[in-house]
């Protein structure tokens, strides 16, 4: 549901992005183990 809202917000602003529905902990483990690197990462978890 949150990702659907994210799509709509990107559409409102005419900006492009990709969207992934997954557990964040699983995501970072998988990407780091496969050496998929990024320039800038924002990590803003819930409390």
ModelCIF file with pLDDT and N, C-alpha, C, O atoms, coordinates in Angstrom:
data_MODEL
#
_entry.id   MODEL 
#
_entity.id                         1 
_entity.type                       polymer 
_entity.pdbx_number_of_molecules   1 
#
_entity_poly.entity_id                      1 
_entity_poly.type                           'polypeptide(L)' 
_entity_poly.nstd_linkage                   no 
_entity_poly.nstd_monomer                   no 
_entity_poly.pdbx_seq_one_letter_code       
;(UNK)(UNK)(UNK)(UNK)(UNK)(UNK)(UNK)(UNK)(UNK)(UNK)(UNK)(UNK)(UNK)(UNK)(UNK)(UNK)
(UNK)(UNK)(UNK)(UNK)(UNK)(UNK)(UNK)(UNK)(UNK)(UNK)(UNK)(UNK)(UNK)(UNK)(UNK)(UNK)
(UNK)(UNK)(UNK)(UNK)(UNK)(UNK)(UNK)(UNK)(UNK)(UNK)(UNK)(UNK)(UNK)(UNK)(UNK)
;
_entity_poly.pdbx_seq_one_letter_code_can   XXXXXXXXXXXXXXXXXXXXXXXXXXXXXXXXXXXXXXXXXXXXXXX 
_entity_poly.pdbx_strand_id                 A 
#
loop_
_entity_poly_seq.entity_id 
_entity_poly_seq.num 
_entity_poly_seq.mon_id 
_entity_poly_seq.hetero 
1 1  UNK n 
1 2  UNK n 
1 3  UNK n 
1 4  UNK n 
1 5  UNK n 
1 6  UNK n 
1 7  UNK n 
1 8  UNK n 
1 9  UNK n 
1 10 UNK n 
1 11 UNK n 
1 12 UNK n 
1 13 UNK n 
1 14 UNK n 
1 15 UNK n 
1 16 UNK n 
1 17 UNK n 
1 18 UNK n 
1 19 UNK n 
1 20 UNK n 
1 21 UNK n 
1 22 UNK n 
1 23 UNK n 
1 24 UNK n 
1 25 UNK n 
1 26 UNK n 
1 27 UNK n 
1 28 UNK n 
1 29 UNK n 
1 30 UNK n 
1 31 UNK n 
1 32 UNK n 
1 33 UNK n 
1 34 UNK n 
1 35 UNK n 
1 36 UNK n 
1 37 UNK n 
1 38 UNK n 
1 39 UNK n 
1 40 UNK n 
1 41 UNK n 
1 42 UNK n 
1 43 UNK n 
1 44 UNK n 
1 45 UNK n 
1 46 UNK n 
1 47 UNK n 
#
_struct_asym.id          A 
_struct_asym.entity_id   1 
#
loop_
_ma_qa_metric.id 
_ma_qa_metric.mode 
_ma_qa_metric.name 
_ma_qa_metric.software_group_id 
_ma_qa_metric.type 
1 global pLDDT . pLDDT 
2 local  pLDDT . pLDDT 
#
_ma_qa_metric_global.metric_id      1 
_ma_qa_metric_global.metric_value   94.60 
_ma_qa_metric_global.model_id       1 
_ma_qa_metric_global.ordinal_id     1 
#
loop_
_ma_qa_metric_local.label_asym_id 
_ma_qa_metric_local.label_comp_id 
_ma_qa_metric_local.label_seq_id 
_ma_qa_metric_local.metric_id 
_ma_qa_metric_local.metric_value 
_ma_qa_metric_local.model_id 
_ma_qa_metric_local.ordinal_id 
A UNK 1  2 93.00 1 1  
A UNK 2  2 93.00 1 2  
A UNK 3  2 96.00 1 3  
A UNK 4  2 95.00 1 4  
A UNK 5  2 94.00 1 5  
A UNK 6  2 96.00 1 6  
A UNK 7  2 97.00 1 7  
A UNK 8  2 97.00 1 8  
A UNK 9  2 98.00 1 9  
A UNK 10 2 98.00 1 10 
A UNK 11 2 98.00 1 11 
A UNK 12 2 97.00 1 12 
A UNK 13 2 98.00 1 13 
A UNK 14 2 97.00 1 14 
A UNK 15 2 97.00 1 15 
A UNK 16 2 96.00 1 16 
A UNK 17 2 97.00 1 17 
A UNK 18 2 97.00 1 18 
A UNK 19 2 97.00 1 19 
A UNK 20 2 97.00 1 20 
A UNK 21 2 97.00 1 21 
A UNK 22 2 96.00 1 22 
A UNK 23 2 94.00 1 23 
A UNK 24 2 94.00 1 24 
A UNK 25 2 94.00 1 25 
A UNK 26 2 95.00 1 26 
A UNK 27 2 96.00 1 27 
A UNK 28 2 95.00 1 28 
A UNK 29 2 94.00 1 29 
A UNK 30 2 94.00 1 30 
A UNK 31 2 94.00 1 31 
A UNK 32 2 91.00 1 32 
A UNK 33 2 88.00 1 33 
A UNK 34 2 92.00 1 34 
A UNK 35 2 90.00 1 35 
A UNK 36 2 90.00 1 36 
A UNK 37 2 95.00 1 37 
A UNK 38 2 97.00 1 38 
A UNK 39 2 98.00 1 39 
A UNK 40 2 98.00 1 40 
A UNK 41 2 98.00 1 41 
A UNK 42 2 98.00 1 42 
A UNK 43 2 97.00 1 43 
A UNK 44 2 94.00 1 44 
A UNK 45 2 91.00 1 45 
A UNK 46 2 81.00 1 46 
A UNK 47 2 77.00 1 47 
#
loop_
_atom_site.group_PDB 
_atom_site.id 
_atom_site.type_symbol 
_atom_site.label_atom_id 
_atom_site.label_alt_id 
_atom_site.label_comp_id 
_atom_site.label_asym_id 
_atom_site.label_entity_id 
_atom_site.label_seq_id 
_atom_site.pdbx_PDB_ins_code 
_atom_site.Cartn_x 
_atom_site.Cartn_y 
_atom_site.Cartn_z 
_atom_site.occupancy 
_atom_site.B_iso_or_equiv 
_atom_site.pdbx_formal_charge 
_atom_site.auth_seq_id 
_atom_site.auth_comp_id 
_atom_site.auth_asym_id 
_atom_site.auth_atom_id 
_atom_site.pdbx_PDB_model_num 
ATOM 1   N N  . UNK A 1 1  ? 0.809  -1.206  0.000   1.00 93.00 ? 1  UNK A N  1 
ATOM 2   C CA . UNK A 1 1  ? 0.000  0.000   0.000   1.00 93.00 ? 1  UNK A CA 1 
ATOM 3   C C  . UNK A 1 1  ? 0.845  1.260   0.000   1.00 93.00 ? 1  UNK A C  1 
ATOM 4   O O  . UNK A 1 1  ? 0.550  2.218   -0.714  1.00 93.00 ? 1  UNK A O  1 
ATOM 5   N N  . UNK A 1 2  ? 1.903  1.253   0.809   1.00 93.00 ? 2  UNK A N  1 
ATOM 6   C CA . UNK A 1 2  ? 2.801  2.409   0.848   1.00 93.00 ? 2  UNK A CA 1 
ATOM 7   C C  . UNK A 1 2  ? 3.498  2.596   -0.495  1.00 93.00 ? 2  UNK A C  1 
ATOM 8   O O  . UNK A 1 2  ? 3.647  3.721   -0.974  1.00 93.00 ? 2  UNK A O  1 
ATOM 9   N N  . UNK A 1 3  ? 3.923  1.492   -1.097  1.00 96.00 ? 3  UNK A N  1 
ATOM 10  C CA . UNK A 1 3  ? 4.591  1.573   -2.397  1.00 96.00 ? 3  UNK A CA 1 
ATOM 11  C C  . UNK A 1 3  ? 3.638  2.112   -3.465  1.00 96.00 ? 3  UNK A C  1 
ATOM 12  O O  . UNK A 1 3  ? 4.060  2.869   -4.339  1.00 96.00 ? 3  UNK A O  1 
ATOM 13  N N  . UNK A 1 4  ? 2.360  1.732   -3.403  1.00 95.00 ? 4  UNK A N  1 
ATOM 14  C CA . UNK A 1 4  ? 1.379  2.275   -4.335  1.00 95.00 ? 4  UNK A CA 1 
ATOM 15  C C  . UNK A 1 4  ? 1.271  3.787   -4.177  1.00 95.00 ? 4  UNK A C  1 
ATOM 16  O O  . UNK A 1 4  ? 1.187  4.511   -5.168  1.00 95.00 ? 4  UNK A O  1 
ATOM 17  N N  . UNK A 1 5  ? 1.273  4.264   -2.937  1.00 94.00 ? 5  UNK A N  1 
ATOM 18  C CA . UNK A 1 5  ? 1.248  5.703   -2.675  1.00 94.00 ? 5  UNK A CA 1 
ATOM 19  C C  . UNK A 1 5  ? 2.519  6.365   -3.215  1.00 94.00 ? 5  UNK A C  1 
ATOM 20  O O  . UNK A 1 5  ? 2.472  7.469   -3.757  1.00 94.00 ? 5  UNK A O  1 
ATOM 21  N N  . UNK A 1 6  ? 3.652  5.677   -3.061  1.00 96.00 ? 6  UNK A N  1 
ATOM 22  C CA . UNK A 1 6  ? 4.910  6.218   -3.575  1.00 96.00 ? 6  UNK A CA 1 
ATOM 23  C C  . UNK A 1 6  ? 4.847  6.398   -5.090  1.00 96.00 ? 6  UNK A C  1 
ATOM 24  O O  . UNK A 1 6  ? 5.302  7.411   -5.621  1.00 96.00 ? 6  UNK A O  1 
ATOM 25  N N  . UNK A 1 7  ? 4.281  5.408   -5.779  1.00 97.00 ? 7  UNK A N  1 
ATOM 26  C CA . UNK A 1 7  ? 4.111  5.531   -7.239  1.00 97.00 ? 7  UNK A CA 1 
ATOM 27  C C  . UNK A 1 7  ? 3.296  6.773   -7.594  1.00 97.00 ? 7  UNK A C  1 
ATOM 28  O O  . UNK A 1 7  ? 3.647  7.536   -8.494  1.00 97.00 ? 7  UNK A O  1 
ATOM 29  N N  . UNK A 1 8  ? 2.204  6.949   -6.865  1.00 97.00 ? 8  UNK A N  1 
ATOM 30  C CA . UNK A 1 8  ? 1.323  8.091   -7.143  1.00 97.00 ? 8  UNK A CA 1 
ATOM 31  C C  . UNK A 1 8  ? 2.033  9.406   -6.880  1.00 97.00 ? 8  UNK A C  1 
ATOM 32  O O  . UNK A 1 8  ? 1.838  10.369  -7.622  1.00 97.00 ? 8  UNK A O  1 
ATOM 33  N N  . UNK A 1 9  ? 2.858  9.468   -5.834  1.00 98.00 ? 9  UNK A N  1 
ATOM 34  C CA . UNK A 1 9  ? 3.590  10.706  -5.556  1.00 98.00 ? 9  UNK A CA 1 
ATOM 35  C C  . UNK A 1 9  ? 4.626  11.001  -6.638  1.00 98.00 ? 9  UNK A C  1 
ATOM 36  O O  . UNK A 1 9  ? 4.812  12.157  -7.019  1.00 98.00 ? 9  UNK A O  1 
ATOM 37  N N  . UNK A 1 10 ? 5.298  9.968   -7.133  1.00 98.00 ? 10 UNK A N  1 
ATOM 38  C CA . UNK A 1 10 ? 6.227  10.180  -8.240  1.00 98.00 ? 10 UNK A CA 1 
ATOM 39  C C  . UNK A 1 10 ? 5.481  10.644  -9.489  1.00 98.00 ? 10 UNK A C  1 
ATOM 40  O O  . UNK A 1 10 ? 5.960  11.518  -10.211 1.00 98.00 ? 10 UNK A O  1 
ATOM 41  N N  . UNK A 1 11 ? 4.314  10.063  -9.744  1.00 98.00 ? 11 UNK A N  1 
ATOM 42  C CA . UNK A 1 11 ? 3.520  10.488  -10.902 1.00 98.00 ? 11 UNK A CA 1 
ATOM 43  C C  . UNK A 1 11 ? 3.077  11.942  -10.771 1.00 98.00 ? 11 UNK A C  1 
ATOM 44  O O  . UNK A 1 11 ? 3.086  12.688  -11.750 1.00 98.00 ? 11 UNK A O  1 
ATOM 45  N N  . UNK A 1 12 ? 2.692  12.342  -9.568  1.00 97.00 ? 12 UNK A N  1 
ATOM 46  C CA . UNK A 1 12 ? 2.283  13.731  -9.336  1.00 97.00 ? 12 UNK A CA 1 
ATOM 47  C C  . UNK A 1 12 ? 3.378  14.715  -9.723  1.00 97.00 ? 12 UNK A C  1 
ATOM 48  O O  . UNK A 1 12 ? 3.099  15.814  -10.203 1.00 97.00 ? 12 UNK A O  1 
ATOM 49  N N  . UNK A 1 13 ? 4.624  14.313  -9.511  1.00 98.00 ? 13 UNK A N  1 
ATOM 50  C CA . UNK A 1 13 ? 5.755  15.212  -9.735  1.00 98.00 ? 13 UNK A CA 1 
ATOM 51  C C  . UNK A 1 13 ? 6.476  14.949  -11.063 1.00 98.00 ? 13 UNK A C  1 
ATOM 52  O O  . UNK A 1 13 ? 7.461  15.613  -11.388 1.00 98.00 ? 13 UNK A O  1 
ATOM 53  N N  . UNK A 1 14 ? 5.975  13.980  -11.815 1.00 97.00 ? 14 UNK A N  1 
ATOM 54  C CA . UNK A 1 14 ? 6.601  13.678  -13.095 1.00 97.00 ? 14 UNK A CA 1 
ATOM 55  C C  . UNK A 1 14 ? 8.012  13.138  -12.970 1.00 97.00 ? 14 UNK A C  1 
ATOM 56  O O  . UNK A 1 14 ? 8.849  13.374  -13.841 1.00 97.00 ? 14 UNK A O  1 
ATOM 57  N N  . UNK A 1 15 ? 8.283  12.412  -11.889 1.00 97.00 ? 15 UNK A N  1 
ATOM 58  C CA . UNK A 1 15 ? 9.621  11.858  -11.657 1.00 97.00 ? 15 UNK A CA 1 
ATOM 59  C C  . UNK A 1 15 ? 9.581  10.346  -11.809 1.00 97.00 ? 15 UNK A C  1 
ATOM 60  O O  . UNK A 1 15 ? 8.571  9.714   -11.501 1.00 97.00 ? 15 UNK A O  1 
ATOM 61  N N  . UNK A 1 16 ? 10.653 9.778   -12.272 1.00 96.00 ? 16 UNK A N  1 
ATOM 62  C CA . UNK A 1 16 ? 10.709 8.330   -12.490 1.00 96.00 ? 16 UNK A CA 1 
ATOM 63  C C  . UNK A 1 16 ? 11.436 7.637   -11.346 1.00 96.00 ? 16 UNK A C  1 
ATOM 64  O O  . UNK A 1 16 ? 12.322 8.210   -10.712 1.00 96.00 ? 16 UNK A O  1 
ATOM 65  N N  . UNK A 1 17 ? 11.044 6.394   -11.097 1.00 97.00 ? 17 UNK A N  1 
ATOM 66  C CA . UNK A 1 17 ? 11.667 5.601   -10.040 1.00 97.00 ? 17 UNK A CA 1 
ATOM 67  C C  . UNK A 1 17 ? 11.261 4.148   -10.242 1.00 97.00 ? 17 UNK A C  1 
ATOM 68  O O  . UNK A 1 17 ? 10.349 3.848   -11.013 1.00 97.00 ? 17 UNK A O  1 
ATOM 69  N N  . UNK A 1 18 ? 11.942 3.257   -9.546  1.00 97.00 ? 18 UNK A N  1 
ATOM 70  C CA . UNK A 1 18 ? 11.505 1.873   -9.464  1.00 97.00 ? 18 UNK A CA 1 
ATOM 71  C C  . UNK A 1 18 ? 11.008 1.615   -8.050  1.00 97.00 ? 18 UNK A C  1 
ATOM 72  O O  . UNK A 1 18 ? 11.316 2.360   -7.120  1.00 97.00 ? 18 UNK A O  1 
ATOM 73  N N  . UNK A 1 19 ? 10.225 0.532   -7.906  1.00 97.00 ? 19 UNK A N  1 
ATOM 74  C CA . UNK A 1 19 ? 9.539  0.289   -6.644  1.00 97.00 ? 19 UNK A CA 1 
ATOM 75  C C  . UNK A 1 19 ? 9.660  -1.193  -6.295  1.00 97.00 ? 19 UNK A C  1 
ATOM 76  O O  . UNK A 1 19 ? 9.365  -2.066  -7.111  1.00 97.00 ? 19 UNK A O  1 
ATOM 77  N N  . UNK A 1 20 ? 10.103 -1.456  -5.058  1.00 97.00 ? 20 UNK A N  1 
ATOM 78  C CA . UNK A 1 20 ? 10.340 -2.824  -4.623  1.00 97.00 ? 20 UNK A CA 1 
ATOM 79  C C  . UNK A 1 20 ? 9.607  -3.076  -3.307  1.00 97.00 ? 20 UNK A C  1 
ATOM 80  O O  . UNK A 1 20 ? 9.841  -2.392  -2.311  1.00 97.00 ? 20 UNK A O  1 
ATOM 81  N N  . UNK A 1 21 ? 8.721  -4.066  -3.321  1.00 97.00 ? 21 UNK A N  1 
ATOM 82  C CA . UNK A 1 21 ? 8.005  -4.457  -2.099  1.00 97.00 ? 21 UNK A CA 1 
ATOM 83  C C  . UNK A 1 21 ? 8.744  -5.640  -1.488  1.00 97.00 ? 21 UNK A C  1 
ATOM 84  O O  . UNK A 1 21 ? 8.670  -6.762  -1.990  1.00 97.00 ? 21 UNK A O  1 
ATOM 85  N N  . UNK A 1 22 ? 9.451  -5.375  -0.408  1.00 96.00 ? 22 UNK A N  1 
ATOM 86  C CA . UNK A 1 22 ? 10.197 -6.444  0.257   1.00 96.00 ? 22 UNK A CA 1 
ATOM 87  C C  . UNK A 1 22 ? 10.614 -5.969  1.642   1.00 96.00 ? 22 UNK A C  1 
ATOM 88  O O  . UNK A 1 22 ? 10.552 -4.779  1.950   1.00 96.00 ? 22 UNK A O  1 
ATOM 89  N N  . UNK A 1 23 ? 11.034 -6.908  2.463   1.00 94.00 ? 23 UNK A N  1 
ATOM 90  C CA . UNK A 1 23 ? 11.569 -6.588  3.783   1.00 94.00 ? 23 UNK A CA 1 
ATOM 91  C C  . UNK A 1 23 ? 12.924 -5.895  3.635   1.00 94.00 ? 23 UNK A C  1 
ATOM 92  O O  . UNK A 1 23 ? 13.804 -6.399  2.937   1.00 94.00 ? 23 UNK A O  1 
ATOM 93  N N  . UNK A 1 24 ? 13.094 -4.766  4.273   1.00 94.00 ? 24 UNK A N  1 
ATOM 94  C CA . UNK A 1 24 ? 14.310 -3.981  4.110   1.00 94.00 ? 24 UNK A CA 1 
ATOM 95  C C  . UNK A 1 24 ? 15.554 -4.721  4.593   1.00 94.00 ? 24 UNK A C  1 
ATOM 96  O O  . UNK A 1 24 ? 16.620 -4.591  3.991   1.00 94.00 ? 24 UNK A O  1 
ATOM 97  N N  . UNK A 1 25 ? 15.433 -5.486  5.661   1.00 94.00 ? 25 UNK A N  1 
ATOM 98  C CA . UNK A 1 25 ? 16.578 -6.230  6.177   1.00 94.00 ? 25 UNK A CA 1 
ATOM 99  C C  . UNK A 1 25 ? 17.027 -7.292  5.163   1.00 94.00 ? 25 UNK A C  1 
ATOM 100 O O  . UNK A 1 25 ? 18.219 -7.482  4.925   1.00 94.00 ? 25 UNK A O  1 
ATOM 101 N N  . UNK A 1 26 ? 16.049 -7.968  4.579   1.00 95.00 ? 26 UNK A N  1 
ATOM 102 C CA . UNK A 1 26 ? 16.376 -8.952  3.547   1.00 95.00 ? 26 UNK A CA 1 
ATOM 103 C C  . UNK A 1 26 ? 17.007 -8.266  2.341   1.00 95.00 ? 26 UNK A C  1 
ATOM 104 O O  . UNK A 1 26 ? 17.959 -8.780  1.753   1.00 95.00 ? 26 UNK A O  1 
ATOM 105 N N  . UNK A 1 27 ? 16.478 -7.112  1.980   1.00 96.00 ? 27 UNK A N  1 
ATOM 106 C CA . UNK A 1 27 ? 16.955 -6.369  0.807   1.00 96.00 ? 27 UNK A CA 1 
ATOM 107 C C  . UNK A 1 27 ? 18.432 -6.007  0.930   1.00 96.00 ? 27 UNK A C  1 
ATOM 108 O O  . UNK A 1 27 ? 19.211 -6.251  0.009   1.00 96.00 ? 27 UNK A O  1 
ATOM 109 N N  . UNK A 1 28 ? 18.825 -5.419  2.077   1.00 95.00 ? 28 UNK A N  1 
ATOM 110 C CA . UNK A 1 28 ? 20.215 -4.971  2.199   1.00 95.00 ? 28 UNK A CA 1 
ATOM 111 C C  . UNK A 1 28 ? 21.176 -6.153  2.282   1.00 95.00 ? 28 UNK A C  1 
ATOM 112 O O  . UNK A 1 28 ? 22.297 -6.082  1.778   1.00 95.00 ? 28 UNK A O  1 
ATOM 113 N N  . UNK A 1 29 ? 20.744 -7.229  2.909   1.00 94.00 ? 29 UNK A N  1 
ATOM 114 C CA . UNK A 1 29 ? 21.596 -8.428  2.959   1.00 94.00 ? 29 UNK A CA 1 
ATOM 115 C C  . UNK A 1 29 ? 21.816 -8.986  1.547   1.00 94.00 ? 29 UNK A C  1 
ATOM 116 O O  . UNK A 1 29 ? 22.940 -9.321  1.175   1.00 94.00 ? 29 UNK A O  1 
ATOM 117 N N  . UNK A 1 30 ? 20.761 -9.081  0.787   1.00 94.00 ? 30 UNK A N  1 
ATOM 118 C CA . UNK A 1 30 ? 20.849 -9.658  -0.553  1.00 94.00 ? 30 UNK A CA 1 
ATOM 119 C C  . UNK A 1 30 ? 21.679 -8.779  -1.485  1.00 94.00 ? 30 UNK A C  1 
ATOM 120 O O  . UNK A 1 30 ? 22.543 -9.272  -2.210  1.00 94.00 ? 30 UNK A O  1 
ATOM 121 N N  . UNK A 1 31 ? 21.410 -7.473  -1.459  1.00 94.00 ? 31 UNK A N  1 
ATOM 122 C CA . UNK A 1 31 ? 22.136 -6.577  -2.359  1.00 94.00 ? 31 UNK A CA 1 
ATOM 123 C C  . UNK A 1 31 ? 23.610 -6.484  -1.995  1.00 94.00 ? 31 UNK A C  1 
ATOM 124 O O  . UNK A 1 31 ? 24.468 -6.447  -2.877  1.00 94.00 ? 31 UNK A O  1 
ATOM 125 N N  . UNK A 1 32 ? 23.907 -6.446  -0.703  1.00 91.00 ? 32 UNK A N  1 
ATOM 126 C CA . UNK A 1 32 ? 25.316 -6.350  -0.316  1.00 91.00 ? 32 UNK A CA 1 
ATOM 127 C C  . UNK A 1 32 ? 26.067 -7.638  -0.643  1.00 91.00 ? 32 UNK A C  1 
ATOM 128 O O  . UNK A 1 32 ? 27.234 -7.593  -1.032  1.00 91.00 ? 32 UNK A O  1 
ATOM 129 N N  . UNK A 1 33 ? 25.406 -8.784  -0.489  1.00 88.00 ? 33 UNK A N  1 
ATOM 130 C CA . UNK A 1 33 ? 26.076 -10.057 -0.779  1.00 88.00 ? 33 UNK A CA 1 
ATOM 131 C C  . UNK A 1 33 ? 26.326 -10.239 -2.266  1.00 88.00 ? 33 UNK A C  1 
ATOM 132 O O  . UNK A 1 33 ? 27.278 -10.915 -2.657  1.00 88.00 ? 33 UNK A O  1 
ATOM 133 N N  . UNK A 1 34 ? 25.482 -9.640  -3.099  1.00 92.00 ? 34 UNK A N  1 
ATOM 134 C CA . UNK A 1 34 ? 25.679 -9.732  -4.547  1.00 92.00 ? 34 UNK A CA 1 
ATOM 135 C C  . UNK A 1 34 ? 26.452 -8.539  -5.101  1.00 92.00 ? 34 UNK A C  1 
ATOM 136 O O  . UNK A 1 34 ? 26.580 -8.371  -6.314  1.00 92.00 ? 34 UNK A O  1 
ATOM 137 N N  . UNK A 1 35 ? 26.968 -7.708  -4.178  1.00 90.00 ? 35 UNK A N  1 
ATOM 138 C CA . UNK A 1 35 ? 27.830 -6.579  -4.547  1.00 90.00 ? 35 UNK A CA 1 
ATOM 139 C C  . UNK A 1 35 ? 27.129 -5.589  -5.474  1.00 90.00 ? 35 UNK A C  1 
ATOM 140 O O  . UNK A 1 35 ? 27.752 -5.023  -6.372  1.00 90.00 ? 35 UNK A O  1 
ATOM 141 N N  . UNK A 1 36 ? 25.826 -5.382  -5.252  1.00 90.00 ? 36 UNK A N  1 
ATOM 142 C CA . UNK A 1 36 ? 25.079 -4.372  -6.007  1.00 90.00 ? 36 UNK A CA 1 
ATOM 143 C C  . UNK A 1 36 ? 25.170 -3.055  -5.223  1.00 90.00 ? 36 UNK A C  1 
ATOM 144 O O  . UNK A 1 36 ? 24.476 -2.862  -4.226  1.00 90.00 ? 36 UNK A O  1 
ATOM 145 N N  . UNK A 1 37 ? 26.025 -2.173  -5.689  1.00 95.00 ? 37 UNK A N  1 
ATOM 146 C CA . UNK A 1 37 ? 26.378 -0.975  -4.930  1.00 95.00 ? 37 UNK A CA 1 
ATOM 147 C C  . UNK A 1 37 ? 25.593 0.247   -5.412  1.00 95.00 ? 37 UNK A C  1 
ATOM 148 O O  . UNK A 1 37 ? 25.057 0.269   -6.520  1.00 95.00 ? 37 UNK A O  1 
ATOM 149 N N  . UNK A 1 38 ? 25.544 1.244   -4.559  1.00 97.00 ? 38 UNK A N  1 
ATOM 150 C CA . UNK A 1 38 ? 24.770 2.454   -4.829  1.00 97.00 ? 38 UNK A CA 1 
ATOM 151 C C  . UNK A 1 38 ? 25.555 3.660   -4.336  1.00 97.00 ? 38 UNK A C  1 
ATOM 152 O O  . UNK A 1 38 ? 26.402 3.539   -3.451  1.00 97.00 ? 38 UNK A O  1 
ATOM 153 N N  . UNK A 1 39 ? 25.268 4.836   -4.915  1.00 98.00 ? 39 UNK A N  1 
ATOM 154 C CA . UNK A 1 39 ? 25.984 6.066   -4.534  1.00 98.00 ? 39 UNK A CA 1 
ATOM 155 C C  . UNK A 1 39 ? 25.440 6.700   -3.256  1.00 98.00 ? 39 UNK A C  1 
ATOM 156 O O  . UNK A 1 39 ? 26.185 7.299   -2.480  1.00 98.00 ? 39 UNK A O  1 
ATOM 157 N N  . UNK A 1 40 ? 24.120 6.559   -3.047  1.00 98.00 ? 40 UNK A N  1 
ATOM 158 C CA . UNK A 1 40 ? 23.483 7.311   -1.963  1.00 98.00 ? 40 UNK A CA 1 
ATOM 159 C C  . UNK A 1 40 ? 22.312 6.471   -1.464  1.00 98.00 ? 40 UNK A C  1 
ATOM 160 O O  . UNK A 1 40 ? 21.421 6.115   -2.235  1.00 98.00 ? 40 UNK A O  1 
ATOM 161 N N  . UNK A 1 41 ? 22.321 6.156   -0.164  1.00 98.00 ? 41 UNK A N  1 
ATOM 162 C CA . UNK A 1 41 ? 21.248 5.363   0.422   1.00 98.00 ? 41 UNK A CA 1 
ATOM 163 C C  . UNK A 1 41 ? 20.639 6.111   1.592   1.00 98.00 ? 41 UNK A C  1 
ATOM 164 O O  . UNK A 1 41 ? 21.354 6.612   2.459   1.00 98.00 ? 41 UNK A O  1 
ATOM 165 N N  . UNK A 1 42 ? 19.301 6.186   1.616   1.00 98.00 ? 42 UNK A N  1 
ATOM 166 C CA . UNK A 1 42 ? 18.574 6.797   2.730   1.00 98.00 ? 42 UNK A CA 1 
ATOM 167 C C  . UNK A 1 42 ? 17.931 5.676   3.527   1.00 98.00 ? 42 UNK A C  1 
ATOM 168 O O  . UNK A 1 42 ? 17.208 4.851   2.967   1.00 98.00 ? 42 UNK A O  1 
ATOM 169 N N  . UNK A 1 43 ? 18.184 5.638   4.825   1.00 97.00 ? 43 UNK A N  1 
ATOM 170 C CA . UNK A 1 43 ? 17.655 4.588   5.709   1.00 97.00 ? 43 UNK A CA 1 
ATOM 171 C C  . UNK A 1 43 ? 16.845 5.257   6.825   1.00 97.00 ? 43 UNK A C  1 
ATOM 172 O O  . UNK A 1 43 ? 17.408 5.748   7.803   1.00 97.00 ? 43 UNK A O  1 
ATOM 173 N N  . UNK A 1 44 ? 15.526 5.270   6.667   1.00 94.00 ? 44 UNK A N  1 
ATOM 174 C CA . UNK A 1 44 ? 14.639 5.951   7.618   1.00 94.00 ? 44 UNK A CA 1 
ATOM 175 C C  . UNK A 1 44 ? 13.588 4.964   8.130   1.00 94.00 ? 44 UNK A C  1 
ATOM 176 O O  . UNK A 1 44 ? 12.429 5.023   7.719   1.00 94.00 ? 44 UNK A O  1 
ATOM 177 N N  . UNK A 1 45 ? 13.989 4.058   9.026   1.00 91.00 ? 45 UNK A N  1 
ATOM 178 C CA . UNK A 1 45 ? 13.059 3.017   9.483   1.00 91.00 ? 45 UNK A CA 1 
ATOM 179 C C  . UNK A 1 45 ? 12.039 3.551   10.482  1.00 91.00 ? 45 UNK A C  1 
ATOM 180 O O  . UNK A 1 45 ? 12.222 4.631   11.045  1.00 91.00 ? 45 UNK A O  1 
ATOM 181 N N  . UNK A 1 46 ? 10.968 2.795   10.701  1.00 81.00 ? 46 UNK A N  1 
ATOM 182 C CA . UNK A 1 46 ? 10.039 3.152   11.780  1.00 81.00 ? 46 UNK A CA 1 
ATOM 183 C C  . UNK A 1 46 ? 10.714 2.968   13.126  1.00 81.00 ? 46 UNK A C  1 
ATOM 184 O O  . UNK A 1 46 ? 11.802 2.399   13.218  1.00 81.00 ? 46 UNK A O  1 
ATOM 185 N N  . UNK A 1 47 ? 10.058 3.454   14.166  1.00 77.00 ? 47 UNK A N  1 
ATOM 186 C CA . UNK A 1 47 ? 10.634 3.342   15.509  1.00 77.00 ? 47 UNK A CA 1 
ATOM 187 C C  . UNK A 1 47 ? 10.768 1.874   15.900  1.00 77.00 ? 47 UNK A C  1 
ATOM 188 O O  . UNK A 1 47 ? 11.234 1.568   16.998  1.00 77.00 ? 47 UNK A O  1 
#
